[in-house]
Amino acid sequence: MAKPTLRSEFLKTMTQLATAAFGFVAALAWNTAIQALIDKFIEPGNGVRSKIYYALVVTVVAVIVTYFLGKATQEETEKEEKKN
C-alpha cells in the first residue's frame, strides 16, 4: 500500500471539513424550518411546549437517520468483506 502524500492528506482533510461545514449549515436551516413549523401549527406563543415538541421531533428524526445510515454502512461493509 502506498504511503499517502501531504497533498492527498490535505485534500482529504479539506473535503471532510467542507462536508462537515455544509452539513452544519443544512442542519441550521432545518433547525429554523422545524421551529417555525412547530410555532405556526402547534400552540403558537407557548415557548416551552413548542421547544419540547421541537426536541421530540429532532430526536425522532436523528434516531431514524442514524438507524438507516448505520444499516447502510453495515451492508456495505459486509459486501466489501465478501469481495475480499
N, C-alpha and C. Protein backbone atom coordinates (compact mmCIF):
# COMPACT_ATOMS: atom_id res chain seq x y z
N MET A 1 0.84 -1.18 0.00
CA MET A 1 0.00 0.00 0.00
C MET A 1 0.89 1.24 0.00
N ALA A 2 0.58 2.19 -0.86
CA ALA A 2 1.39 3.40 -0.99
C ALA A 2 1.14 4.35 0.18
N LYS A 3 2.20 5.03 0.59
CA LYS A 3 2.09 6.00 1.67
C LYS A 3 1.42 7.26 1.13
N PRO A 4 0.41 7.78 1.84
CA PRO A 4 -0.27 8.98 1.36
C PRO A 4 0.66 10.20 1.39
N THR A 5 0.52 11.04 0.39
CA THR A 5 1.33 12.25 0.33
C THR A 5 0.67 13.35 1.16
N LEU A 6 1.45 14.38 1.43
CA LEU A 6 0.92 15.51 2.18
C LEU A 6 -0.24 16.15 1.42
N ARG A 7 -0.12 16.26 0.11
CA ARG A 7 -1.17 16.86 -0.71
C ARG A 7 -2.46 16.04 -0.64
N SER A 8 -2.35 14.72 -0.74
CA SER A 8 -3.56 13.89 -0.71
C SER A 8 -4.21 13.93 0.68
N GLU A 9 -3.41 13.95 1.72
CA GLU A 9 -3.96 14.06 3.08
C GLU A 9 -4.63 15.42 3.29
N PHE A 10 -3.99 16.47 2.75
CA PHE A 10 -4.56 17.81 2.87
C PHE A 10 -5.91 17.88 2.16
N LEU A 11 -5.98 17.36 0.94
CA LEU A 11 -7.24 17.37 0.18
C LEU A 11 -8.31 16.54 0.87
N LYS A 12 -7.92 15.40 1.42
CA LYS A 12 -8.87 14.56 2.14
C LYS A 12 -9.42 15.30 3.36
N THR A 13 -8.56 15.94 4.10
CA THR A 13 -8.98 16.68 5.29
C THR A 13 -9.86 17.87 4.92
N MET A 14 -9.49 18.60 3.89
CA MET A 14 -10.29 19.75 3.46
C MET A 14 -11.67 19.30 2.97
N THR A 15 -11.74 18.17 2.30
CA THR A 15 -13.02 17.63 1.85
C THR A 15 -13.90 17.28 3.04
N GLN A 16 -13.30 16.66 4.06
CA GLN A 16 -14.06 16.32 5.25
C GLN A 16 -14.55 17.57 5.97
N LEU A 17 -13.69 18.58 6.06
CA LEU A 17 -14.08 19.83 6.73
C LEU A 17 -15.20 20.54 5.97
N ALA A 18 -15.08 20.60 4.65
CA ALA A 18 -16.11 21.25 3.84
C ALA A 18 -17.44 20.51 3.95
N THR A 19 -17.38 19.19 3.93
CA THR A 19 -18.59 18.39 4.06
C THR A 19 -19.24 18.62 5.42
N ALA A 20 -18.44 18.65 6.47
CA ALA A 20 -18.97 18.90 7.81
C ALA A 20 -19.58 20.30 7.89
N ALA A 21 -18.92 21.29 7.29
CA ALA A 21 -19.43 22.66 7.33
C ALA A 21 -20.77 22.78 6.61
N PHE A 22 -20.88 22.17 5.43
CA PHE A 22 -22.14 22.22 4.70
C PHE A 22 -23.23 21.45 5.46
N GLY A 23 -22.86 20.36 6.11
CA GLY A 23 -23.81 19.61 6.93
C GLY A 23 -24.32 20.46 8.08
N PHE A 24 -23.42 21.23 8.68
CA PHE A 24 -23.79 22.10 9.79
C PHE A 24 -24.75 23.20 9.32
N VAL A 25 -24.46 23.79 8.18
CA VAL A 25 -25.33 24.83 7.62
C VAL A 25 -26.71 24.26 7.29
N ALA A 26 -26.73 23.06 6.71
CA ALA A 26 -28.01 22.41 6.40
C ALA A 26 -28.78 22.13 7.68
N ALA A 27 -28.09 21.68 8.72
CA ALA A 27 -28.74 21.41 10.00
C ALA A 27 -29.34 22.68 10.58
N LEU A 28 -28.63 23.78 10.49
CA LEU A 28 -29.16 25.06 10.98
C LEU A 28 -30.41 25.48 10.20
N ALA A 29 -30.39 25.26 8.90
CA ALA A 29 -31.55 25.61 8.07
C ALA A 29 -32.76 24.76 8.47
N TRP A 30 -32.54 23.45 8.65
CA TRP A 30 -33.63 22.59 9.08
C TRP A 30 -34.10 22.95 10.48
N ASN A 31 -33.17 23.33 11.33
CA ASN A 31 -33.50 23.76 12.68
C ASN A 31 -34.51 24.91 12.64
N THR A 32 -34.20 25.91 11.85
CA THR A 32 -35.08 27.07 11.73
C THR A 32 -36.43 26.68 11.13
N ALA A 33 -36.40 25.85 10.10
CA ALA A 33 -37.64 25.44 9.44
C ALA A 33 -38.55 24.64 10.38
N ILE A 34 -37.98 23.70 11.09
CA ILE A 34 -38.78 22.89 12.01
C ILE A 34 -39.34 23.74 13.14
N GLN A 35 -38.52 24.64 13.68
CA GLN A 35 -39.01 25.52 14.74
C GLN A 35 -40.17 26.40 14.26
N ALA A 36 -40.03 26.95 13.06
CA ALA A 36 -41.10 27.80 12.52
C ALA A 36 -42.37 27.00 12.29
N LEU A 37 -42.24 25.78 11.79
CA LEU A 37 -43.39 24.92 11.55
C LEU A 37 -44.11 24.59 12.86
N ILE A 38 -43.35 24.26 13.86
CA ILE A 38 -43.96 23.94 15.17
C ILE A 38 -44.61 25.17 15.77
N ASP A 39 -43.93 26.31 15.70
CA ASP A 39 -44.51 27.55 16.23
C ASP A 39 -45.79 27.94 15.51
N LYS A 40 -45.86 27.66 14.22
CA LYS A 40 -47.03 28.05 13.43
C LYS A 40 -48.24 27.16 13.71
N PHE A 41 -48.02 25.85 13.81
CA PHE A 41 -49.14 24.93 13.88
C PHE A 41 -49.42 24.35 15.27
N ILE A 42 -48.45 24.38 16.15
CA ILE A 42 -48.64 23.77 17.46
C ILE A 42 -48.53 24.83 18.54
N GLU A 43 -49.65 25.27 19.01
CA GLU A 43 -49.74 26.23 20.10
C GLU A 43 -48.80 27.42 19.95
N PRO A 44 -49.07 28.28 18.99
CA PRO A 44 -48.24 29.47 18.82
C PRO A 44 -48.18 30.29 20.11
N GLY A 45 -47.03 30.80 20.42
CA GLY A 45 -46.87 31.65 21.59
C GLY A 45 -46.52 30.90 22.86
N ASN A 46 -46.60 29.57 22.84
CA ASN A 46 -46.27 28.79 24.02
C ASN A 46 -44.84 28.28 23.86
N GLY A 47 -43.88 29.06 24.32
CA GLY A 47 -42.47 28.77 24.10
C GLY A 47 -41.99 27.44 24.63
N VAL A 48 -42.34 27.10 25.86
CA VAL A 48 -41.83 25.87 26.47
C VAL A 48 -42.40 24.64 25.77
N ARG A 49 -43.68 24.64 25.54
CA ARG A 49 -44.30 23.48 24.88
C ARG A 49 -43.76 23.32 23.45
N SER A 50 -43.60 24.42 22.73
CA SER A 50 -43.05 24.35 21.38
C SER A 50 -41.63 23.79 21.39
N LYS A 51 -40.85 24.19 22.37
CA LYS A 51 -39.47 23.69 22.47
C LYS A 51 -39.43 22.20 22.77
N ILE A 52 -40.35 21.73 23.59
CA ILE A 52 -40.42 20.30 23.89
C ILE A 52 -40.83 19.52 22.65
N TYR A 53 -41.84 20.01 21.93
CA TYR A 53 -42.24 19.36 20.68
C TYR A 53 -41.07 19.34 19.69
N TYR A 54 -40.38 20.45 19.60
CA TYR A 54 -39.24 20.55 18.69
C TYR A 54 -38.17 19.52 19.07
N ALA A 55 -37.85 19.43 20.34
CA ALA A 55 -36.84 18.47 20.80
C ALA A 55 -37.25 17.04 20.48
N LEU A 56 -38.53 16.73 20.65
CA LEU A 56 -39.02 15.39 20.33
C LEU A 56 -38.91 15.09 18.83
N VAL A 57 -39.32 16.04 18.00
CA VAL A 57 -39.25 15.86 16.55
C VAL A 57 -37.80 15.64 16.12
N VAL A 58 -36.90 16.48 16.59
CA VAL A 58 -35.49 16.37 16.20
C VAL A 58 -34.90 15.04 16.69
N THR A 59 -35.26 14.62 17.88
CA THR A 59 -34.75 13.35 18.41
C THR A 59 -35.23 12.18 17.56
N VAL A 60 -36.50 12.17 17.21
CA VAL A 60 -37.03 11.08 16.39
C VAL A 60 -36.35 11.05 15.03
N VAL A 61 -36.21 12.21 14.41
CA VAL A 61 -35.54 12.28 13.10
C VAL A 61 -34.09 11.80 13.22
N ALA A 62 -33.38 12.22 14.26
CA ALA A 62 -31.98 11.82 14.45
C ALA A 62 -31.86 10.31 14.62
N VAL A 63 -32.76 9.71 15.38
CA VAL A 63 -32.73 8.26 15.59
C VAL A 63 -32.99 7.53 14.28
N ILE A 64 -33.97 7.97 13.52
CA ILE A 64 -34.31 7.31 12.26
C ILE A 64 -33.15 7.41 11.26
N VAL A 65 -32.61 8.61 11.10
CA VAL A 65 -31.50 8.81 10.16
C VAL A 65 -30.29 7.98 10.59
N THR A 66 -29.96 8.00 11.88
CA THR A 66 -28.82 7.23 12.38
C THR A 66 -29.02 5.74 12.15
N TYR A 67 -30.22 5.26 12.38
CA TYR A 67 -30.51 3.85 12.16
C TYR A 67 -30.28 3.45 10.71
N PHE A 68 -30.85 4.21 9.78
CA PHE A 68 -30.72 3.85 8.37
C PHE A 68 -29.30 4.02 7.85
N LEU A 69 -28.59 5.04 8.31
CA LEU A 69 -27.19 5.19 7.91
C LEU A 69 -26.34 4.04 8.45
N GLY A 70 -26.58 3.65 9.69
CA GLY A 70 -25.85 2.52 10.27
C GLY A 70 -26.13 1.23 9.52
N LYS A 71 -27.38 1.02 9.16
CA LYS A 71 -27.77 -0.18 8.41
C LYS A 71 -27.09 -0.20 7.04
N ALA A 72 -27.10 0.95 6.35
CA ALA A 72 -26.46 1.04 5.03
C ALA A 72 -24.96 0.81 5.13
N THR A 73 -24.34 1.36 6.16
CA THR A 73 -22.91 1.18 6.37
C THR A 73 -22.58 -0.28 6.63
N GLN A 74 -23.39 -0.92 7.45
CA GLN A 74 -23.17 -2.33 7.76
C GLN A 74 -23.30 -3.19 6.51
N GLU A 75 -24.31 -2.93 5.69
CA GLU A 75 -24.50 -3.69 4.46
C GLU A 75 -23.32 -3.50 3.51
N GLU A 76 -22.84 -2.28 3.40
CA GLU A 76 -21.70 -2.00 2.52
C GLU A 76 -20.44 -2.68 3.04
N THR A 77 -20.25 -2.68 4.34
CA THR A 77 -19.09 -3.34 4.94
C THR A 77 -19.14 -4.85 4.68
N GLU A 78 -20.31 -5.43 4.81
CA GLU A 78 -20.47 -6.86 4.54
C GLU A 78 -20.18 -7.19 3.08
N LYS A 79 -20.61 -6.33 2.16
CA LYS A 79 -20.31 -6.55 0.74
C LYS A 79 -18.80 -6.51 0.49
N GLU A 80 -18.13 -5.54 1.09
CA GLU A 80 -16.67 -5.42 0.94
C GLU A 80 -15.96 -6.63 1.50
N GLU A 81 -16.43 -7.14 2.64
CA GLU A 81 -15.81 -8.31 3.24
C GLU A 81 -15.99 -9.56 2.38
N LYS A 82 -17.14 -9.67 1.72
CA LYS A 82 -17.39 -10.81 0.84
C LYS A 82 -16.48 -10.77 -0.37
N LYS A 83 -16.17 -9.57 -0.87
CA LYS A 83 -15.29 -9.41 -2.02
C LYS A 83 -13.87 -9.87 -1.67
N ASN A 84 -13.45 -9.59 -0.45
CA ASN A 84 -12.08 -9.92 -0.03
C ASN A 84 -12.04 -11.27 0.54
